Amino acid sequence: MGTLTVVFIALGLFLIGGVISFAKQGMPKGVIVLLGLCAAMSLAAGLLRI
């Protein structure tokens, strides 16, 4: 795996943790959805580069 792939996957997992944390804190749904979309795109970019 390349370095960029690892960075994208790590970023996606970090953002998923943020989504879970924000959901527990009761943040606005728009922020959670936006962060979730960013996490999904980051993970997809990392997995497609493998």
Protein backbone atom coordinates (compact mmCIF):
# COMPACT_ATOMS: atom_id res chain seq x y z
CA MET A 1 0.00 0.00 0.00
CA GLY A 2 1.16 3.46 -0.77
CA THR A 3 1.55 6.26 1.71
CA LEU A 4 -1.37 8.23 0.27
CA THR A 5 -3.65 5.21 0.61
CA VAL A 6 -2.77 4.84 4.27
CA VAL A 7 -3.34 8.56 4.85
CA PHE A 8 -6.80 8.45 3.22
CA ILE A 9 -7.85 5.38 5.20
CA ALA A 10 -6.54 6.83 8.49
CA LEU A 11 -8.31 10.13 7.80
CA GLY A 12 -11.56 8.31 7.06
CA LEU A 13 -11.38 6.33 10.29
CA PHE A 14 -10.56 9.51 12.24
CA LEU A 15 -13.61 11.23 10.73
CA ILE A 16 -15.84 8.25 11.59
CA GLY A 17 -14.72 8.66 15.19
CA GLY A 18 -15.70 12.31 14.96
CA VAL A 19 -19.14 11.38 13.65
CA ILE A 20 -19.69 9.02 16.57
CA SER A 21 -18.48 11.63 19.06
CA PHE A 22 -20.64 14.40 17.57
CA ALA A 23 -23.70 12.13 17.54
CA LYS A 24 -23.22 11.37 21.24
CA GLN A 25 -22.87 15.09 22.02
CA GLY A 26 -26.07 15.94 20.16
CA MET A 27 -24.52 18.20 17.53
CA PRO A 28 -26.72 19.45 14.66
CA LYS A 29 -27.62 16.77 12.12
CA GLY A 30 -26.16 18.80 9.24
CA VAL A 31 -22.70 18.71 10.77
CA ILE A 32 -22.92 14.98 11.39
CA VAL A 33 -24.09 14.29 7.83
CA LEU A 34 -21.34 16.47 6.33
CA LEU A 35 -18.67 14.80 8.42
CA GLY A 36 -20.06 11.38 7.53
CA LEU A 37 -19.91 12.20 3.81
CA CYS A 38 -16.31 13.36 4.15
CA ALA A 39 -15.45 10.14 5.98
CA ALA A 40 -17.11 8.01 3.29
CA MET A 41 -15.33 9.84 0.47
CA SER A 42 -11.98 9.57 2.23
CA LEU A 43 -12.37 5.84 2.86
CA ALA A 44 -13.54 5.26 -0.71
CA ALA A 45 -10.55 7.18 -2.09
CA GLY A 46 -8.19 5.15 0.08
CA LEU A 47 -9.75 1.83 -0.87
CA LEU A 48 -9.82 2.62 -4.59
CA ARG A 49 -6.10 3.43 -4.55
CA ILE A 50 -5.15 -0.05 -3.25
